[in-house]
N, C-alpha and C. Protein backbone atom coordinates (compact mmCIF):
# COMPACT_ATOMS: atom_id res chain seq x y z
N LEU A 1 102.68 2.79 166.50
CA LEU A 1 104.35 3.34 166.90
C LEU A 1 104.58 4.05 168.42
N ALA A 2 105.67 3.89 168.61
CA ALA A 2 105.80 3.79 170.65
C ALA A 2 107.39 4.76 170.42
N PRO A 3 107.32 5.91 171.87
CA PRO A 3 108.63 6.61 171.68
C PRO A 3 109.97 5.42 171.78
N ILE A 4 110.72 5.45 172.21
CA ILE A 4 112.17 4.78 172.48
C ILE A 4 113.33 6.23 173.13
N ARG A 5 113.65 5.68 174.00
CA ARG A 5 115.06 6.13 174.67
C ARG A 5 115.71 5.37 174.22
N TYR A 6 116.67 6.68 174.75
CA TYR A 6 118.05 7.35 173.81
C TYR A 6 118.47 5.68 174.34
N THR A 7 118.31 5.53 175.47
CA THR A 7 118.93 4.19 176.14
C THR A 7 118.64 2.66 175.33
N GLY A 8 117.59 2.96 174.24
CA GLY A 8 116.97 1.66 173.57
C GLY A 8 115.86 1.23 173.97
N VAL A 9 115.34 1.60 174.99
CA VAL A 9 114.20 1.07 175.93
C VAL A 9 112.81 1.83 175.57
N ALA A 10 111.99 0.96 174.88
CA ALA A 10 110.76 1.33 173.81
C ALA A 10 109.56 1.53 175.77
N GLY A 11 108.97 2.88 175.10
CA GLY A 11 107.59 3.35 175.86
C GLY A 11 106.88 2.92 175.75
N ALA A 12 105.44 2.79 176.22
CA ALA A 12 103.82 2.36 175.44
C ALA A 12 104.08 2.59 174.13
N PRO A 13 103.84 1.80 173.76
CA PRO A 13 102.70 2.28 171.71
C PRO A 13 101.75 3.32 172.35
N PHE A 14 101.47 4.52 171.45
CA PHE A 14 100.81 5.53 171.45
C PHE A 14 100.15 5.69 170.02
N ARG A 15 99.78 4.55 169.47
CA ARG A 15 99.06 4.86 167.82
C ARG A 15 99.54 3.15 167.17
N GLN A 16 97.81 2.51 167.04
CA GLN A 16 98.49 1.51 165.88
C GLN A 16 97.81 1.57 165.14
N GLU A 17 97.66 0.50 163.95
CA GLU A 17 96.65 1.16 163.07
C GLU A 17 96.94 -0.80 162.20
N LYS A 18 95.60 -1.07 161.86
CA LYS A 18 95.91 -2.04 161.16
C LYS A 18 95.49 -2.11 159.71
N HIS A 19 95.78 -2.40 158.91
CA HIS A 19 95.72 -2.94 157.41
C HIS A 19 95.60 -3.77 156.75
N ARG A 20 95.08 -4.24 155.87
CA ARG A 20 95.14 -5.48 155.83
C ARG A 20 94.90 -5.55 154.15
N ARG A 21 96.04 -6.01 153.37
CA ARG A 21 96.76 -6.14 152.21
C ARG A 21 96.88 -7.19 151.60
N THR A 22 96.72 -7.57 150.61
CA THR A 22 97.10 -9.66 149.89
C THR A 22 97.64 -8.37 148.44
N LEU A 23 98.79 -9.32 148.71
CA LEU A 23 99.90 -8.65 147.36
C LEU A 23 100.50 -10.07 146.74
N PRO A 24 100.40 -9.93 145.64
CA PRO A 24 101.40 -10.79 145.24
C PRO A 24 102.85 -11.22 144.87
N PRO A 25 103.33 -12.27 145.09
CA PRO A 25 104.54 -12.30 145.53
C PRO A 25 105.60 -11.13 143.84
N GLY A 26 106.44 -10.55 144.44
CA GLY A 26 107.05 -9.52 143.95
C GLY A 26 106.30 -8.27 143.81
N GLN A 27 105.47 -8.05 144.19
CA GLN A 27 104.82 -6.81 144.79
C GLN A 27 105.38 -5.95 145.98
N GLU A 28 104.92 -4.93 146.14
CA GLU A 28 105.23 -4.13 146.97
C GLU A 28 103.88 -2.98 146.89
N GLU A 29 103.19 -2.29 148.31
CA GLU A 29 102.24 -1.24 148.38
C GLU A 29 103.27 -0.33 149.47
N THR A 30 102.74 1.07 149.47
CA THR A 30 103.44 2.18 150.21
C THR A 30 101.86 2.13 151.07
N VAL A 31 102.38 2.02 152.45
CA VAL A 31 100.92 2.61 153.46
C VAL A 31 101.35 4.10 154.44
N THR A 32 100.84 5.14 153.66
CA THR A 32 101.16 6.29 154.59
C THR A 32 100.30 6.29 156.01
N MET A 33 101.43 6.69 156.59
CA MET A 33 100.75 7.54 158.35
C MET A 33 101.28 8.71 158.70
N THR A 34 101.01 10.04 158.45
CA THR A 34 101.38 10.91 159.11
C THR A 34 100.95 11.07 160.65
N VAL A 35 102.09 11.43 160.91
CA VAL A 35 101.75 11.55 163.02
C VAL A 35 101.96 13.08 163.30
N THR A 36 101.08 14.10 163.81
CA THR A 36 101.62 14.92 164.13
C THR A 36 101.80 15.72 164.98
N PHE A 37 102.80 17.13 165.97
CA PHE A 37 103.55 16.55 166.80
C PHE A 37 102.50 16.44 167.92
N ALA A 38 101.30 17.10 167.99
CA ALA A 38 100.56 17.31 169.22
C ALA A 38 100.07 15.73 169.30
N GLU A 39 100.44 14.74 168.47
CA GLU A 39 100.14 13.47 169.50
C GLU A 39 101.60 12.89 169.87
N TYR A 40 102.97 12.54 168.49
CA TYR A 40 103.88 12.76 169.46
C TYR A 40 104.48 12.62 170.94
N GLY A 41 104.35 14.56 170.62
CA GLY A 41 105.05 15.29 171.44
C GLY A 41 104.75 15.34 172.99
N PRO A 42 103.69 14.47 173.86
CA PRO A 42 103.30 13.98 174.66
C PRO A 42 104.50 12.36 175.11
N HIS A 43 104.73 12.48 174.65
CA HIS A 43 105.38 10.70 174.59
C HIS A 43 107.12 10.93 174.37
N VAL A 44 107.79 12.02 173.97
CA VAL A 44 109.23 11.69 173.82
C VAL A 44 108.96 12.70 175.05
N GLY A 45 110.44 12.66 174.83
CA GLY A 45 111.69 13.42 174.83
C GLY A 45 112.96 14.44 174.89
N ASP A 46 113.53 14.85 174.75
CA ASP A 46 114.87 15.00 174.74
C ASP A 46 115.24 14.57 173.26
N GLN A 47 116.24 13.22 173.73
CA GLN A 47 116.98 12.97 172.60
C GLN A 47 116.05 11.70 172.98
N ASP A 48 114.94 11.28 172.79
CA ASP A 48 114.10 10.16 171.95
C ASP A 48 114.18 10.01 170.33
N ALA A 49 113.28 9.60 169.86
CA ALA A 49 112.95 9.03 168.87
C ALA A 49 111.73 7.91 168.59
N LEU A 50 111.78 7.58 167.48
CA LEU A 50 109.69 7.12 167.91
C LEU A 50 110.52 5.86 166.91
N LYS A 51 109.05 4.69 167.53
CA LYS A 51 109.56 3.15 167.15
C LYS A 51 108.76 2.81 166.19
N LEU A 52 108.75 2.34 164.81
CA LEU A 52 107.56 2.06 164.43
C LEU A 52 107.33 0.63 163.41
N THR A 53 107.12 -0.37 164.01
CA THR A 53 106.63 -1.38 163.71
C THR A 53 106.06 -2.14 162.83
N VAL A 54 106.11 -3.21 161.40
CA VAL A 54 105.00 -3.14 161.06
C VAL A 54 105.08 -4.75 160.83
N ALA A 55 104.67 -5.36 160.44
CA ALA A 55 104.80 -6.96 160.48
C ALA A 55 103.33 -7.46 159.84
N GLY A 56 103.47 -8.66 159.38
CA GLY A 56 102.56 -9.44 157.91
C GLY A 56 102.76 -10.75 158.02
N THR A 57 102.63 -11.60 157.35
CA THR A 57 101.96 -12.82 157.34
C THR A 57 102.41 -13.52 155.94
N VAL A 58 103.04 -14.59 155.71
CA VAL A 58 102.62 -14.91 154.33
C VAL A 58 101.65 -16.76 154.31
N GLU A 59 100.06 -16.15 153.26
CA GLU A 59 99.52 -16.75 153.81
C GLU A 59 99.15 -18.11 153.39
N GLU A 60 100.04 -18.79 152.10
CA GLU A 60 100.51 -19.93 152.29
C GLU A 60 101.61 -20.44 153.63
N THR A 61 101.88 -19.78 154.20
CA THR A 61 103.01 -20.60 155.05
C THR A 61 102.78 -20.21 156.56
N GLY A 62 102.02 -19.61 156.49
CA GLY A 62 101.74 -18.56 158.01
C GLY A 62 103.04 -18.23 158.82
N GLN A 63 104.40 -17.46 157.95
CA GLN A 63 105.32 -17.48 158.07
C GLN A 63 105.43 -15.18 158.59
N VAL A 64 105.45 -15.45 159.61
CA VAL A 64 104.91 -13.92 160.07
C VAL A 64 106.76 -13.27 159.66
N VAL A 65 106.22 -12.09 159.06
CA VAL A 65 107.52 -11.29 158.46
C VAL A 65 107.41 -9.94 158.84
N ALA A 66 108.14 -9.15 160.39
CA ALA A 66 108.24 -7.81 160.54
C ALA A 66 109.62 -7.40 160.18
N LYS A 67 109.11 -5.44 160.01
CA LYS A 67 109.84 -4.85 159.92
C LYS A 67 110.32 -3.39 161.16
N GLU A 68 111.18 -3.29 161.42
CA GLU A 68 111.31 -1.95 162.79
C GLU A 68 111.88 -1.23 162.29
N LEU A 69 111.37 0.30 162.07
CA LEU A 69 111.78 1.04 161.82
C LEU A 69 112.35 2.71 162.89
N ARG A 70 113.41 2.97 163.09
CA ARG A 70 113.57 4.03 164.42
C ARG A 70 113.93 5.46 163.46
N VAL A 71 113.37 6.34 164.10
CA VAL A 71 112.82 8.05 163.31
C VAL A 71 114.05 8.91 164.48
N ARG A 72 114.26 9.29 164.28
CA ARG A 72 115.21 10.51 164.94
C ARG A 72 114.67 11.15 164.89
N LEU A 73 114.13 12.24 165.79
CA LEU A 73 113.64 13.30 165.51
C LEU A 73 114.25 14.65 165.97
N HIS A 74 114.72 15.76 165.44
CA HIS A 74 115.92 16.37 165.81
C HIS A 74 114.57 17.76 165.23
N MET A 75 115.45 18.93 166.70
CA MET A 75 114.45 19.79 167.16
C MET A 75 115.21 20.82 165.57
N PRO A 76 114.57 22.01 164.86
CA PRO A 76 114.95 22.39 163.76
C PRO A 76 115.63 23.56 164.62
N GLU A 77 116.96 24.21 163.27
CA GLU A 77 117.29 24.68 163.97
C GLU A 77 116.74 26.48 163.34
N LEU A 78 117.40 27.43 164.97
CA LEU A 78 116.93 28.46 164.75
C LEU A 78 118.27 29.39 164.13
N THR A 79 117.94 30.50 163.37
CA THR A 79 119.07 31.08 162.95
C THR A 79 118.34 32.70 163.68
N LEU A 80 119.28 33.56 163.36
CA LEU A 80 118.86 35.08 163.94
C LEU A 80 119.79 35.87 163.20
N THR A 81 119.09 36.82 162.40
CA THR A 81 119.74 38.18 162.27
C THR A 81 119.60 39.48 162.49
């Protein structure tokens, strides 16, 4: 998990987890990762996002499979009455 600037430039990763899973063909599994503001806040600015990169290997062929997800951060709206 790394911050990514509005310009597209990624910052240094601030969190990394390793999970080992073996899945039969056609199966899927969800892995949840909770990240608090206290953890990511010091690494991002006003217009930044978070970049999550996930990679795996197909054991039989050695092929690497990777996916990248960008999460835009939004400040909550403030309503005054």
